C-alpha cells in the first residue's frame, strides 16, 4: 500500500537513517523508535525511553555487510507499533554528483503522524474513495492536519528537497 525506494550510502549511520525515514514518511519524530537488524536492536536513546548499547552515530550501514535480499525492520511509535519492513534491493557503487540520500520512487502518501494504526489509516483512506467521497469530512480532516493530505499523492519532489536540505552525503 505505502512504500518508498531509497538510495543511501553505506556510510550512513543508524541515527541518520532514522532521520531519513522520518522525512520520507512525513513523520515528526514524536515517538520512540528501534531498528531490528540481524536480531539486535539499534536506535537513538532518549531520557525516559529505551536504551541501546551502541552509539547510533557510529553504527554505519556498511557494518552490517548487507547483501541484496537482506531484510530488517524499523519500528516507530511503540503504542501504535508501526513496523516498516526494509529490504535491501541492490548494492551499488555511489555515483559522483548524485544526491544521497534520495527517494527515486514510492507509492501513496504516508500515514499522518498520529494515525492510530493500520485500521485507522484505512478508514482515513476510505474518506477519499469514490463514490463515498465526503468533501466536508475530507476538508475537516485536512484542516486538522494543517496541510492538504491525500492518500494517493506521493510528494517525491518535496521529499527529495527535504532530504537534500536535511542531510549531508554521509553521516
N, C-alpha and C. Protein backbone atom coordinates (compact mmCIF):
# COMPACT_ATOMS: atom_id res chain seq x y z
N UNK A 1 0.83 -1.19 0.00
CA UNK A 1 0.00 0.00 0.00
C UNK A 1 0.88 1.26 0.00
N UNK A 2 1.78 1.37 0.96
CA UNK A 2 2.69 2.52 1.03
C UNK A 2 4.11 1.97 1.00
N UNK A 3 4.92 2.47 0.07
CA UNK A 3 6.32 2.05 0.03
C UNK A 3 7.17 3.19 -0.48
N UNK A 4 8.46 3.10 -0.15
CA UNK A 4 9.45 4.07 -0.60
C UNK A 4 10.69 3.32 -1.07
N UNK A 5 11.30 3.80 -2.12
CA UNK A 5 12.61 3.29 -2.55
C UNK A 5 13.60 4.39 -2.21
N UNK A 6 14.63 4.01 -1.48
CA UNK A 6 15.63 4.98 -1.03
C UNK A 6 17.00 4.60 -1.54
N UNK A 7 17.77 5.61 -1.86
CA UNK A 7 19.19 5.43 -2.16
C UNK A 7 19.96 6.07 -1.03
N UNK A 8 20.74 5.27 -0.34
CA UNK A 8 21.58 5.78 0.75
C UNK A 8 22.98 5.22 0.57
N UNK A 9 23.94 5.92 1.12
CA UNK A 9 25.32 5.46 1.05
C UNK A 9 25.60 4.51 2.20
N UNK A 10 26.63 3.69 2.03
CA UNK A 10 26.97 2.73 3.07
C UNK A 10 27.59 3.38 4.30
N UNK A 11 27.98 4.65 4.20
CA UNK A 11 28.49 5.35 5.37
C UNK A 11 27.40 6.12 6.11
N UNK A 12 26.14 5.80 5.82
CA UNK A 12 25.01 6.39 6.53
C UNK A 12 24.90 5.73 7.90
N UNK A 13 24.79 6.53 8.93
CA UNK A 13 24.66 6.00 10.28
C UNK A 13 23.21 5.61 10.56
N UNK A 14 23.03 4.81 11.58
CA UNK A 14 21.68 4.43 12.03
C UNK A 14 20.92 5.68 12.47
N UNK A 15 21.61 6.61 13.13
CA UNK A 15 20.97 7.87 13.56
C UNK A 15 20.45 8.63 12.34
N UNK A 16 21.26 8.73 11.29
CA UNK A 16 20.82 9.42 10.08
C UNK A 16 19.71 8.66 9.37
N UNK A 17 19.79 7.34 9.36
CA UNK A 17 18.75 6.54 8.70
C UNK A 17 17.40 6.77 9.38
N UNK A 18 17.41 6.89 10.69
CA UNK A 18 16.17 7.21 11.42
C UNK A 18 15.61 8.54 10.91
N UNK A 19 16.46 9.56 10.79
CA UNK A 19 16.01 10.85 10.29
C UNK A 19 15.50 10.78 8.86
N UNK A 20 16.16 9.99 8.04
CA UNK A 20 15.73 9.81 6.65
C UNK A 20 14.34 9.19 6.62
N UNK A 21 14.13 8.15 7.42
CA UNK A 21 12.81 7.51 7.45
C UNK A 21 11.74 8.49 7.94
N UNK A 22 12.07 9.30 8.93
CA UNK A 22 11.11 10.28 9.42
C UNK A 22 10.72 11.24 8.29
N UNK A 23 11.70 11.71 7.52
CA UNK A 23 11.40 12.63 6.42
C UNK A 23 10.56 11.98 5.34
N UNK A 24 10.94 10.80 4.88
CA UNK A 24 10.21 10.20 3.75
C UNK A 24 8.84 9.68 4.14
N UNK A 25 8.62 9.47 5.44
CA UNK A 25 7.28 9.08 5.88
C UNK A 25 6.46 10.28 6.31
N UNK A 26 7.08 11.47 6.33
CA UNK A 26 6.33 12.67 6.71
C UNK A 26 6.05 12.73 8.20
N UNK A 27 6.81 12.00 8.98
CA UNK A 27 6.60 11.98 10.42
C UNK A 27 7.45 13.06 11.10
N UNK A 28 7.22 13.27 12.38
CA UNK A 28 7.81 14.40 13.08
C UNK A 28 8.71 13.99 14.24
N UNK A 29 9.10 12.74 14.32
CA UNK A 29 9.99 12.27 15.38
C UNK A 29 9.39 12.51 16.77
N UNK A 30 8.10 12.23 16.90
CA UNK A 30 7.42 12.44 18.17
C UNK A 30 7.42 11.21 19.07
N UNK A 31 7.86 10.07 18.53
CA UNK A 31 7.74 8.81 19.26
C UNK A 31 9.06 8.05 19.26
N UNK A 32 9.15 7.08 20.15
CA UNK A 32 10.34 6.23 20.21
C UNK A 32 10.39 5.33 18.97
N UNK A 33 11.59 4.86 18.68
CA UNK A 33 11.79 4.01 17.51
C UNK A 33 12.86 2.98 17.82
N UNK A 34 12.98 2.02 16.92
CA UNK A 34 14.00 0.98 17.07
C UNK A 34 14.19 0.30 15.72
N UNK A 35 15.45 0.08 15.35
CA UNK A 35 15.77 -0.77 14.21
C UNK A 35 16.03 -2.17 14.76
N UNK A 36 15.58 -3.18 14.07
CA UNK A 36 15.92 -4.56 14.41
C UNK A 36 16.68 -5.11 13.20
N UNK A 37 18.01 -5.27 13.42
CA UNK A 37 18.89 -5.69 12.33
C UNK A 37 19.68 -6.90 12.79
N UNK A 38 19.56 -7.99 12.05
CA UNK A 38 20.23 -9.25 12.40
C UNK A 38 19.94 -9.64 13.85
N UNK A 39 18.69 -9.44 14.28
CA UNK A 39 18.26 -9.86 15.61
C UNK A 39 18.66 -8.95 16.75
N UNK A 40 19.27 -7.80 16.46
CA UNK A 40 19.70 -6.88 17.51
C UNK A 40 19.00 -5.53 17.34
N UNK A 41 18.68 -4.89 18.47
CA UNK A 41 18.02 -3.59 18.45
C UNK A 41 19.04 -2.46 18.39
N UNK A 42 18.73 -1.45 17.56
CA UNK A 42 19.55 -0.26 17.41
C UNK A 42 18.61 0.95 17.42
N UNK A 43 19.10 2.05 17.92
CA UNK A 43 18.30 3.27 17.87
C UNK A 43 18.95 4.38 18.65
N UNK A 44 18.22 5.46 18.76
CA UNK A 44 18.66 6.64 19.50
C UNK A 44 17.99 6.60 20.86
N UNK A 45 18.78 6.61 21.92
CA UNK A 45 18.23 6.58 23.28
C UNK A 45 17.74 7.98 23.66
N UNK A 46 16.60 8.02 24.33
CA UNK A 46 16.04 9.27 24.83
C UNK A 46 15.79 9.11 26.32
N UNK A 47 15.89 10.20 27.06
CA UNK A 47 15.61 10.17 28.50
C UNK A 47 14.19 9.64 28.71
N UNK A 48 14.04 8.67 29.59
CA UNK A 48 12.74 8.09 29.85
C UNK A 48 12.33 7.02 28.85
N UNK A 49 13.17 6.77 27.85
CA UNK A 49 12.87 5.77 26.83
C UNK A 49 13.79 4.58 26.97
N UNK A 50 13.84 3.76 25.94
CA UNK A 50 14.71 2.59 25.97
C UNK A 50 16.14 3.01 25.63
N UNK A 51 17.08 2.23 26.09
CA UNK A 51 18.49 2.48 25.80
C UNK A 51 19.03 1.46 24.82
N UNK A 52 20.14 1.80 24.20
CA UNK A 52 20.79 0.91 23.25
C UNK A 52 22.28 0.89 23.56
N UNK A 53 22.92 -0.26 23.43
CA UNK A 53 24.34 -0.35 23.80
C UNK A 53 25.29 0.35 22.83
N UNK A 54 24.87 0.54 21.58
CA UNK A 54 25.76 1.12 20.57
C UNK A 54 25.38 2.57 20.28
N UNK A 55 26.37 3.40 20.03
CA UNK A 55 26.13 4.79 19.66
C UNK A 55 25.60 4.82 18.22
N UNK A 56 24.36 5.28 18.01
CA UNK A 56 23.76 5.22 16.67
C UNK A 56 24.48 6.09 15.64
N UNK A 57 25.28 7.06 16.10
CA UNK A 57 26.05 7.89 15.16
C UNK A 57 27.28 7.16 14.66
N UNK A 58 27.68 6.10 15.38
CA UNK A 58 28.88 5.35 15.00
C UNK A 58 28.57 4.02 14.32
N UNK A 59 27.30 3.62 14.29
CA UNK A 59 26.91 2.37 13.63
C UNK A 59 26.50 2.72 12.20
N UNK A 60 27.28 2.24 11.24
CA UNK A 60 27.06 2.56 9.83
C UNK A 60 26.44 1.38 9.10
N UNK A 61 25.71 1.66 8.04
CA UNK A 61 25.09 0.59 7.26
C UNK A 61 26.11 -0.42 6.77
N UNK A 62 27.30 0.04 6.41
CA UNK A 62 28.32 -0.90 5.91
C UNK A 62 28.72 -1.93 6.97
N UNK A 63 28.53 -1.59 8.26
CA UNK A 63 28.90 -2.51 9.34
C UNK A 63 28.10 -3.81 9.29
N UNK A 64 26.93 -3.78 8.66
CA UNK A 64 26.06 -4.96 8.64
C UNK A 64 26.36 -5.90 7.47
N UNK A 65 27.18 -5.45 6.56
CA UNK A 65 27.54 -6.26 5.39
C UNK A 65 26.30 -6.84 4.71
N UNK A 66 25.33 -5.97 4.45
CA UNK A 66 24.10 -6.38 3.80
C UNK A 66 24.38 -6.95 2.41
N UNK A 67 23.50 -7.85 2.01
CA UNK A 67 23.51 -8.40 0.66
C UNK A 67 22.12 -8.15 0.06
N UNK A 68 22.02 -8.12 -1.27
CA UNK A 68 20.69 -7.96 -1.87
C UNK A 68 19.74 -9.04 -1.34
N UNK A 69 18.54 -8.61 -0.98
CA UNK A 69 17.54 -9.51 -0.43
C UNK A 69 17.48 -9.50 1.09
N UNK A 70 18.53 -9.01 1.76
CA UNK A 70 18.51 -8.93 3.23
C UNK A 70 17.39 -8.00 3.67
N UNK A 71 16.84 -8.31 4.84
CA UNK A 71 15.73 -7.52 5.38
C UNK A 71 16.03 -7.13 6.81
N UNK A 72 15.46 -6.00 7.20
CA UNK A 72 15.47 -5.59 8.60
C UNK A 72 14.22 -4.78 8.85
N UNK A 73 14.05 -4.29 10.07
CA UNK A 73 12.79 -3.65 10.44
C UNK A 73 13.07 -2.32 11.13
N UNK A 74 12.15 -1.39 10.94
CA UNK A 74 12.15 -0.11 11.63
C UNK A 74 10.81 0.00 12.34
N UNK A 75 10.83 -0.02 13.66
CA UNK A 75 9.61 0.12 14.45
C UNK A 75 9.51 1.55 14.93
N UNK A 76 8.31 2.12 14.84
CA UNK A 76 8.10 3.50 15.24
C UNK A 76 6.79 3.61 15.99
N UNK A 77 6.80 4.40 17.03
CA UNK A 77 5.65 4.65 17.89
C UNK A 77 5.17 3.33 18.50
N UNK A 78 5.80 2.96 19.58
CA UNK A 78 5.55 1.66 20.20
C UNK A 78 4.11 1.49 20.70
N UNK A 79 3.38 2.58 20.94
CA UNK A 79 1.98 2.45 21.34
C UNK A 79 1.12 1.99 20.17
N UNK A 80 1.44 2.46 18.99
CA UNK A 80 0.68 2.08 17.80
C UNK A 80 1.38 0.93 17.08
N UNK A 81 2.71 0.91 17.19
CA UNK A 81 3.51 -0.19 16.68
C UNK A 81 3.58 -0.27 15.16
N UNK A 82 3.98 0.86 14.54
CA UNK A 82 4.25 0.82 13.11
C UNK A 82 5.51 0.00 12.91
N UNK A 83 5.47 -0.96 12.02
CA UNK A 83 6.62 -1.81 11.71
C UNK A 83 6.88 -1.71 10.21
N UNK A 84 7.95 -0.99 9.87
CA UNK A 84 8.33 -0.85 8.46
C UNK A 84 9.30 -1.96 8.11
N UNK A 85 8.98 -2.71 7.09
CA UNK A 85 9.88 -3.78 6.62
C UNK A 85 10.80 -3.19 5.56
N UNK A 86 12.07 -3.32 5.80
CA UNK A 86 13.08 -2.76 4.90
C UNK A 86 13.77 -3.91 4.18
N UNK A 87 13.88 -3.79 2.87
CA UNK A 87 14.55 -4.82 2.08
C UNK A 87 15.67 -4.17 1.27
N UNK A 88 16.84 -4.74 1.34
CA UNK A 88 17.97 -4.28 0.54
C UNK A 88 17.78 -4.84 -0.86
N UNK A 89 17.54 -3.98 -1.83
CA UNK A 89 17.32 -4.45 -3.20
C UNK A 89 18.62 -4.65 -3.94
N UNK A 90 19.47 -3.64 -3.89
CA UNK A 90 20.73 -3.68 -4.61
C UNK A 90 21.79 -2.96 -3.79
N UNK A 91 23.02 -3.29 -4.07
CA UNK A 91 24.15 -2.56 -3.50
C UNK A 91 24.95 -2.03 -4.69
N UNK A 92 24.96 -0.71 -4.81
CA UNK A 92 25.59 -0.06 -5.95
C UNK A 92 26.74 0.82 -5.48
N UNK A 93 27.67 1.03 -6.35
CA UNK A 93 28.74 2.00 -6.06
C UNK A 93 28.13 3.40 -6.16
N UNK A 94 28.53 4.30 -5.28
CA UNK A 94 27.99 5.67 -5.35
C UNK A 94 28.37 6.32 -6.68
N UNK A 95 27.49 7.16 -7.17
CA UNK A 95 27.70 7.88 -8.42
C UNK A 95 28.09 9.31 -8.07
N UNK A 96 29.21 9.76 -8.58
CA UNK A 96 29.68 11.12 -8.31
C UNK A 96 28.62 12.13 -8.75
N UNK A 97 28.35 13.09 -7.90
CA UNK A 97 27.39 14.14 -8.21
C UNK A 97 25.95 13.79 -7.94
N UNK A 98 25.66 12.55 -7.59
CA UNK A 98 24.29 12.12 -7.29
C UNK A 98 23.95 12.47 -5.84
N UNK A 99 22.71 12.87 -5.62
CA UNK A 99 22.27 13.20 -4.27
C UNK A 99 22.03 11.94 -3.46
N UNK A 100 22.62 11.88 -2.29
CA UNK A 100 22.37 10.82 -1.31
C UNK A 100 22.11 11.49 0.03
N UNK A 101 21.11 11.11 0.74
CA UNK A 101 20.07 10.15 0.37
C UNK A 101 19.10 10.76 -0.64
N UNK A 102 18.39 9.88 -1.32
CA UNK A 102 17.33 10.32 -2.22
C UNK A 102 16.24 9.27 -2.27
N UNK A 103 15.10 9.70 -2.75
CA UNK A 103 13.94 8.82 -2.88
C UNK A 103 13.52 8.83 -4.34
N UNK A 104 14.02 7.86 -5.15
CA UNK A 104 13.67 7.84 -6.56
C UNK A 104 12.28 7.28 -6.85
N UNK A 105 11.63 6.67 -5.85
CA UNK A 105 10.32 6.11 -6.12
C UNK A 105 9.56 5.80 -4.85
N UNK A 106 8.28 5.56 -5.03
CA UNK A 106 7.42 5.21 -3.91
C UNK A 106 5.98 5.16 -4.38
N UNK A 107 5.10 4.89 -3.44
CA UNK A 107 3.68 4.79 -3.77
C UNK A 107 2.85 5.25 -2.59
N UNK A 108 1.93 6.13 -2.87
CA UNK A 108 0.93 6.61 -1.92
C UNK A 108 1.54 7.44 -0.80
N UNK A 109 0.66 8.20 -0.17
CA UNK A 109 1.05 9.05 0.96
C UNK A 109 1.26 8.20 2.21
N UNK A 110 2.04 8.75 3.11
CA UNK A 110 2.33 8.10 4.38
C UNK A 110 1.14 8.27 5.33
N UNK A 111 1.05 7.43 6.37
CA UNK A 111 0.04 7.68 7.40
C UNK A 111 0.44 8.94 8.17
N UNK A 112 -0.46 9.90 8.35
CA UNK A 112 -0.12 11.07 9.15
C UNK A 112 0.38 10.65 10.55
N UNK A 113 1.22 11.47 11.13
CA UNK A 113 1.95 11.14 12.37
C UNK A 113 1.09 10.47 13.45
N UNK A 114 -0.02 11.02 13.78
CA UNK A 114 -0.79 10.49 14.92
C UNK A 114 -1.88 9.50 14.52
N UNK A 115 -1.79 8.93 13.32
CA UNK A 115 -2.76 7.92 12.90
C UNK A 115 -2.65 6.72 13.83
N UNK A 116 -3.76 6.25 14.32
CA UNK A 116 -3.78 5.20 15.34
C UNK A 116 -3.76 3.79 14.76
N UNK A 117 -2.82 3.53 13.87
CA UNK A 117 -2.63 2.19 13.35
C UNK A 117 -3.18 1.99 11.95
N UNK A 118 -3.00 0.77 11.46
CA UNK A 118 -3.37 0.44 10.08
C UNK A 118 -4.88 0.56 9.88
N UNK A 119 -5.68 0.12 10.85
CA UNK A 119 -7.14 0.22 10.73
C UNK A 119 -7.59 1.67 10.58
N UNK A 120 -7.05 2.55 11.41
CA UNK A 120 -7.39 3.97 11.34
C UNK A 120 -6.91 4.57 10.02
N UNK A 121 -5.73 4.15 9.57
CA UNK A 121 -5.20 4.65 8.29
C UNK A 121 -6.13 4.24 7.14
N UNK A 122 -6.60 3.01 7.16
CA UNK A 122 -7.52 2.55 6.12
C UNK A 122 -8.84 3.33 6.16
N UNK A 123 -9.32 3.67 7.36
CA UNK A 123 -10.54 4.49 7.48
C UNK A 123 -10.33 5.87 6.87
N UNK A 124 -9.16 6.46 7.13
CA UNK A 124 -8.86 7.77 6.56
C UNK A 124 -8.81 7.66 5.03
N UNK A 125 -8.15 6.63 4.53
CA UNK A 125 -8.06 6.45 3.08
C UNK A 125 -9.45 6.26 2.46
N UNK A 126 -10.34 5.61 3.20
CA UNK A 126 -11.70 5.35 2.71
C UNK A 126 -12.47 6.65 2.48
N UNK A 127 -12.16 7.70 3.26
CA UNK A 127 -12.81 9.00 3.06
C UNK A 127 -12.65 9.49 1.62
N UNK A 128 -11.55 9.15 1.00
CA UNK A 128 -11.19 9.70 -0.31
C UNK A 128 -11.65 8.81 -1.47
N UNK A 129 -12.31 7.71 -1.18
CA UNK A 129 -12.72 6.78 -2.24
C UNK A 129 -14.04 7.24 -2.88
N UNK A 130 -14.07 7.19 -4.18
CA UNK A 130 -15.29 7.48 -4.93
C UNK A 130 -16.09 6.19 -4.99
N UNK A 131 -17.40 6.14 -4.81
CA UNK A 131 -18.35 7.25 -4.78
C UNK A 131 -18.66 7.76 -3.37
N UNK A 132 -18.07 7.20 -2.33
CA UNK A 132 -18.42 7.63 -0.97
C UNK A 132 -17.62 8.87 -0.54
N UNK A 133 -17.20 9.64 -1.49
CA UNK A 133 -16.45 10.86 -1.28
C UNK A 133 -17.25 11.82 -0.38
N UNK A 134 -16.72 12.20 0.74
CA UNK A 134 -17.39 13.12 1.66
C UNK A 134 -16.52 14.36 1.81
N UNK A 135 -16.80 15.35 0.98
CA UNK A 135 -15.95 16.54 0.90
C UNK A 135 -15.81 17.27 2.23
N UNK A 136 -16.90 17.41 2.98
CA UNK A 136 -16.82 18.12 4.26
C UNK A 136 -15.93 17.39 5.26
N UNK A 137 -16.02 16.07 5.32
CA UNK A 137 -15.15 15.30 6.22
C UNK A 137 -13.69 15.37 5.77
N UNK A 138 -13.47 15.36 4.46
CA UNK A 138 -12.11 15.47 3.93
C UNK A 138 -11.51 16.82 4.31
N UNK A 139 -12.27 17.89 4.11
CA UNK A 139 -11.78 19.23 4.46
C UNK A 139 -11.49 19.32 5.95
N UNK A 140 -12.38 18.79 6.78
CA UNK A 140 -12.16 18.82 8.23
C UNK A 140 -10.90 18.03 8.61
N UNK A 141 -10.70 16.87 7.97
CA UNK A 141 -9.51 16.07 8.25
C UNK A 141 -8.25 16.83 7.85
N UNK A 142 -8.24 17.40 6.64
CA UNK A 142 -7.07 18.13 6.18
C UNK A 142 -6.80 19.36 7.05
N UNK A 143 -7.84 20.03 7.50
CA UNK A 143 -7.66 21.17 8.41
C UNK A 143 -7.06 20.73 9.73
N UNK A 144 -7.45 19.55 10.22
CA UNK A 144 -6.89 19.05 11.48
C UNK A 144 -5.40 18.76 11.34
N UNK A 145 -4.97 18.36 10.14
CA UNK A 145 -3.54 18.12 9.89
C UNK A 145 -2.78 19.42 9.66
N UNK A 146 -3.46 20.39 9.07
CA UNK A 146 -2.80 21.65 8.74
C UNK A 146 -2.17 21.66 7.35
N UNK A 147 -2.46 20.63 6.57
CA UNK A 147 -1.95 20.58 5.19
C UNK A 147 -2.86 19.69 4.36
N UNK A 148 -2.84 19.86 3.02
CA UNK A 148 -3.76 19.13 2.15
C UNK A 148 -3.30 17.70 1.82
N UNK A 149 -3.42 16.81 2.77
CA UNK A 149 -3.02 15.41 2.61
C UNK A 149 -4.02 14.67 1.74
N UNK A 150 -3.51 13.82 0.86
CA UNK A 150 -4.34 12.91 0.06
C UNK A 150 -3.65 11.56 0.06
N UNK A 151 -4.41 10.46 0.16
CA UNK A 151 -3.79 9.14 0.28
C UNK A 151 -3.04 8.68 -0.95
N UNK A 152 -3.39 9.19 -2.11
CA UNK A 152 -2.80 8.71 -3.36
C UNK A 152 -1.70 9.62 -3.89
N UNK A 153 -1.28 10.61 -3.10
CA UNK A 153 -0.28 11.57 -3.57
C UNK A 153 1.03 11.38 -2.83
N UNK A 154 2.04 10.99 -3.57
CA UNK A 154 3.40 10.88 -3.05
C UNK A 154 4.13 12.14 -3.46
N UNK A 155 4.56 12.91 -2.51
CA UNK A 155 5.23 14.18 -2.80
C UNK A 155 6.74 13.94 -2.87
N UNK A 156 7.14 13.22 -3.92
CA UNK A 156 8.53 12.80 -4.07
C UNK A 156 9.47 14.00 -4.23
N UNK A 157 9.09 15.00 -5.01
CA UNK A 157 9.93 16.17 -5.18
C UNK A 157 10.18 16.88 -3.86
N UNK A 158 9.13 17.03 -3.06
CA UNK A 158 9.26 17.66 -1.75
C UNK A 158 10.16 16.83 -0.84
N UNK A 159 9.96 15.51 -0.85
CA UNK A 159 10.80 14.62 -0.04
C UNK A 159 12.27 14.79 -0.39
N UNK A 160 12.57 14.82 -1.68
CA UNK A 160 13.96 14.93 -2.10
C UNK A 160 14.56 16.29 -1.76
N UNK A 161 13.75 17.35 -1.78
CA UNK A 161 14.24 18.65 -1.32
C UNK A 161 14.55 18.59 0.17
N UNK A 162 13.66 17.96 0.95
CA UNK A 162 13.89 17.82 2.40
C UNK A 162 15.16 17.01 2.65
N UNK A 163 15.31 15.91 1.91
CA UNK A 163 16.50 15.07 2.08
C UNK A 163 17.76 15.84 1.72
N UNK A 164 17.71 16.61 0.65
CA UNK A 164 18.88 17.38 0.23
C UNK A 164 19.25 18.43 1.28
N UNK A 165 18.25 19.09 1.83
CA UNK A 165 18.50 20.15 2.80
C UNK A 165 18.76 19.63 4.20
N UNK A 166 18.30 18.42 4.49
CA UNK A 166 18.40 17.90 5.85
C UNK A 166 19.59 16.99 6.12
N UNK A 167 20.25 16.53 5.05
CA UNK A 167 21.32 15.55 5.23
C UNK A 167 22.49 15.85 4.31
N UNK A 168 23.67 15.61 4.84
CA UNK A 168 24.87 15.64 4.00
C UNK A 168 24.99 14.28 3.35
N UNK A 169 25.94 14.10 2.49
CA UNK A 169 26.08 12.81 1.79
C UNK A 169 26.58 11.70 2.68
N UNK A 170 27.04 11.99 3.86
CA UNK A 170 27.46 10.93 4.78
C UNK A 170 26.99 11.28 6.18
N UNK A 171 27.00 10.25 7.06
CA UNK A 171 26.68 10.50 8.46
C UNK A 171 25.32 10.19 8.86
